[in-house]
Amino acid sequence: MRTPPVTDAELAAQARGGSSEAFGALVERHADRARRVARAALLNPHDADDAVQDALFSAWRAIARFDPARPFGPWFMKIVVNAAADLRRRRKLRRTEEIPAAAADTGSRPDRDTDWALLREALDKALATLPERRRVALVLHDAEGYVHEEIATMLGVPVGTVRSDVFHARRAMRTALSSMGDDRS
């Protein structure tokens, strides 16, 4: 007989009681999403990792204040968004250039890798043109599946603002990416 999976609320309650294993399980469930959100806010995967680490530490320290009657994901994503904003403020002067992933020998197909790299580059460029709040709202909604109300809570703005941000971000992305097919000959 299988035991039902442990819910986020149950894990959070255990973590509130001091269980680092329960907190670790929560982290496992939400770390990838947190990294994607942080990357959308910061536009740098290394900074995103740092922001997620900061958010994890903050969440662990604040777990006693978590309301188990509410979903854990939006609570944690708000901490991630705040950690990303804090990191950006601290690193305003520091700029680095990432080593392209294509520099590593992965043994994969060059044509597919090139297509994915071009798409990733086009997406990154298009996302970088968006104001931060629109960029984060778009990623939280379209990539992570959060509803407008949850995003509004995470970002501390009205629901109508989130709806507007997602709408305008999608329109800007469509415009920016529409020429992508034209650039390839």
Protein backbone atom coordinates (compact mmCIF):
# COMPACT_ATOMS: atom_id res chain seq x y z
CA MET A 1 0.00 0.00 0.00
CA ARG A 2 1.35 3.40 -0.99
CA THR A 3 1.40 6.28 1.40
CA PRO A 4 0.03 9.53 0.03
CA PRO A 5 2.64 12.15 -0.80
CA VAL A 6 3.43 14.64 1.90
CA THR A 7 1.97 18.07 1.15
CA ASP A 8 3.88 21.35 1.25
CA ALA A 9 1.79 22.37 4.27
CA GLU A 10 2.80 19.23 6.16
CA LEU A 11 6.45 19.70 5.27
CA ALA A 12 6.31 23.36 6.27
CA ALA A 13 4.74 22.42 9.61
CA GLN A 14 7.55 19.91 10.20
CA ALA A 15 10.13 22.52 9.17
CA ARG A 16 8.54 24.99 11.61
CA GLY A 17 9.17 22.34 14.24
CA GLY A 18 12.86 22.35 13.35
CA SER A 19 13.06 19.54 10.79
CA SER A 20 15.80 20.38 8.33
CA GLU A 21 14.86 17.26 6.33
CA ALA A 22 11.34 18.62 5.80
CA PHE A 23 12.74 21.99 4.77
CA GLY A 24 15.11 20.18 2.40
CA ALA A 25 12.15 18.41 0.80
CA LEU A 26 10.40 21.77 0.32
CA VAL A 27 13.56 23.17 -1.23
CA GLU A 28 13.75 20.22 -3.61
CA ARG A 29 10.19 20.84 -4.76
CA HIS A 30 10.60 24.57 -5.35
CA ALA A 31 14.28 25.18 -6.17
CA ASP A 32 14.01 24.89 -9.96
CA ARG A 33 11.05 27.26 -10.07
CA ALA A 34 12.83 29.66 -7.71
CA ARG A 35 15.90 29.69 -9.95
CA ARG A 36 13.83 30.41 -13.06
CA VAL A 37 12.09 33.30 -11.30
CA ALA A 38 15.39 34.69 -10.01
CA ARG A 39 16.93 34.37 -13.47
CA ALA A 40 14.02 36.26 -14.98
CA ALA A 41 14.55 39.04 -12.47
CA LEU A 42 18.34 39.18 -12.71
CA LEU A 43 19.07 37.98 -16.28
CA ASN A 44 22.16 36.17 -15.04
CA PRO A 45 22.18 32.48 -14.03
CA HIS A 46 25.03 32.89 -11.55
CA ASP A 47 23.36 35.82 -9.81
CA ALA A 48 20.10 33.84 -9.86
CA ASP A 49 21.81 30.98 -8.00
CA ASP A 50 23.12 33.44 -5.42
CA ALA A 51 19.68 35.02 -4.99
CA VAL A 52 18.06 31.61 -4.53
CA GLN A 53 20.67 30.73 -1.90
CA ASP A 54 19.89 33.98 -0.09
CA ALA A 55 16.17 33.25 -0.37
CA LEU A 56 16.60 29.74 1.01
CA PHE A 57 18.48 31.08 4.00
CA SER A 58 15.83 33.76 4.55
CA ALA A 59 13.01 31.23 4.21
CA TRP A 60 14.66 28.91 6.74
CA ARG A 61 15.03 31.79 9.19
CA ALA A 62 11.41 32.91 8.60
CA ILE A 63 9.74 29.48 8.46
CA ALA A 64 8.22 30.04 11.93
CA ARG A 65 6.25 32.96 10.45
CA PHE A 66 4.89 30.89 7.54
CA ASP A 67 1.11 30.44 7.71
CA PRO A 68 0.48 26.74 6.93
CA ALA A 69 -3.08 27.59 5.89
CA ARG A 70 -1.63 29.36 2.84
CA PRO A 71 0.31 27.79 -0.05
CA PHE A 72 4.07 27.55 0.44
CA GLY A 73 5.04 28.25 -3.21
CA PRO A 74 3.83 31.87 -3.43
CA TRP A 75 5.24 32.65 0.02
CA PHE A 76 8.64 31.31 -1.01
CA MET A 77 8.55 32.98 -4.46
CA LYS A 78 7.95 36.34 -2.78
CA ILE A 79 11.11 35.73 -0.76
CA VAL A 80 12.95 34.82 -3.99
CA VAL A 81 11.76 37.99 -5.75
CA ASN A 82 12.87 40.09 -2.77
CA ALA A 83 16.26 38.32 -2.61
CA ALA A 84 16.79 38.96 -6.32
CA ALA A 85 15.98 42.65 -5.88
CA ASP A 86 18.37 42.87 -2.93
CA LEU A 87 21.15 41.14 -4.87
CA ARG A 88 20.68 43.42 -7.87
CA ARG A 89 21.02 46.47 -5.63
CA ARG A 90 24.21 45.06 -4.08
CA ARG A 91 25.76 44.16 -7.44
CA LYS A 92 24.86 47.20 -9.50
CA LEU A 93 28.48 47.88 -10.40
CA ARG A 94 29.59 44.33 -11.08
CA ARG A 95 29.17 43.05 -14.63
CA THR A 96 30.45 39.72 -15.91
CA GLU A 97 30.24 37.90 -19.17
CA GLU A 98 29.10 34.32 -19.09
CA ILE A 99 31.10 31.60 -20.84
CA PRO A 100 28.78 30.14 -23.48
CA ALA A 101 27.46 26.67 -22.74
CA ALA A 102 28.41 25.72 -26.31
CA ALA A 103 32.07 25.89 -25.24
CA ALA A 104 31.63 22.61 -23.36
CA ASP A 105 31.82 19.35 -25.31
CA THR A 106 28.49 17.65 -24.58
CA GLY A 107 28.48 15.22 -27.47
CA SER A 108 25.08 16.50 -28.60
CA ARG A 109 24.00 17.43 -32.10
CA PRO A 110 25.47 20.76 -33.25
CA ASP A 111 22.47 21.71 -35.40
CA ARG A 112 20.00 21.25 -32.55
CA ASP A 113 22.34 22.89 -30.09
CA THR A 114 22.68 25.88 -32.40
CA ASP A 115 18.91 26.20 -32.81
CA TRP A 116 18.40 26.02 -29.03
CA ALA A 117 21.22 28.48 -28.42
CA LEU A 118 19.75 30.92 -30.93
CA LEU A 119 16.31 30.58 -29.39
CA ARG A 120 17.68 31.01 -25.87
CA GLU A 121 19.66 34.06 -26.99
CA ALA A 122 16.61 35.58 -28.68
CA LEU A 123 14.46 34.92 -25.60
CA ASP A 124 17.09 36.37 -23.28
CA LYS A 125 17.43 39.48 -25.45
CA ALA A 126 13.67 39.93 -25.68
CA LEU A 127 13.21 39.40 -21.93
CA ALA A 128 16.01 41.86 -21.21
CA THR A 129 14.08 44.61 -23.00
CA LEU A 130 11.16 44.28 -20.59
CA PRO A 131 10.96 46.25 -17.37
CA GLU A 132 11.79 43.98 -14.42
CA ARG A 133 8.28 43.76 -12.96
CA ARG A 134 6.78 42.82 -16.34
CA ARG A 135 9.56 40.28 -16.95
CA VAL A 136 9.04 38.64 -13.55
CA ALA A 137 5.23 38.70 -13.88
CA LEU A 138 5.46 37.05 -17.31
CA VAL A 139 7.78 34.28 -16.10
CA LEU A 140 5.73 33.65 -12.96
CA HIS A 141 2.51 33.46 -14.99
CA ASP A 142 3.45 31.83 -18.29
CA ALA A 143 6.44 29.70 -17.30
CA GLU A 144 5.66 28.88 -13.67
CA GLY A 145 1.87 28.75 -13.81
CA TYR A 146 1.01 31.11 -10.98
CA VAL A 147 -2.35 32.90 -11.16
CA HIS A 148 -2.59 36.68 -11.26
CA GLU A 149 -3.69 36.93 -7.62
CA GLU A 150 -0.67 34.98 -6.37
CA ILE A 151 1.71 37.06 -8.47
CA ALA A 152 0.13 40.26 -7.16
CA THR A 153 0.84 39.08 -3.62
CA MET A 154 4.41 38.11 -4.50
CA LEU A 155 5.17 41.42 -6.18
CA GLY A 156 3.13 43.58 -3.83
CA VAL A 157 1.05 45.19 -6.58
CA PRO A 158 -2.69 45.13 -7.45
CA VAL A 159 -4.05 42.22 -9.49
CA GLY A 160 -4.97 44.58 -12.34
CA THR A 161 -1.34 45.70 -12.54
CA VAL A 162 -0.22 42.08 -12.88
CA ARG A 163 -2.77 41.44 -15.63
CA SER A 164 -1.56 44.55 -17.45
CA ASP A 165 2.11 43.62 -16.97
CA VAL A 166 1.57 40.11 -18.37
CA PHE A 167 -0.43 41.46 -21.33
CA HIS A 168 2.15 44.10 -22.23
CA ALA A 169 5.06 41.71 -21.67
CA ARG A 170 3.52 39.14 -24.02
CA ARG A 171 2.92 41.78 -26.67
CA ALA A 172 6.50 43.04 -26.39
CA MET A 173 7.87 39.49 -26.57
CA ARG A 174 5.78 38.72 -29.67
CA THR A 175 7.10 41.85 -31.35
CA ALA A 176 10.70 41.18 -30.35
CA LEU A 177 10.59 37.54 -31.41
CA SER A 178 8.59 38.00 -34.62
CA SER A 179 11.72 38.93 -36.53
CA MET A 180 13.60 35.84 -35.29
CA GLY A 181 12.53 33.75 -38.30
CA ASP A 182 13.50 36.57 -40.65
CA ASP A 183 17.07 36.72 -39.30
CA ARG A 184 17.86 33.16 -40.39
CA SER A 185 18.67 32.68 -44.06
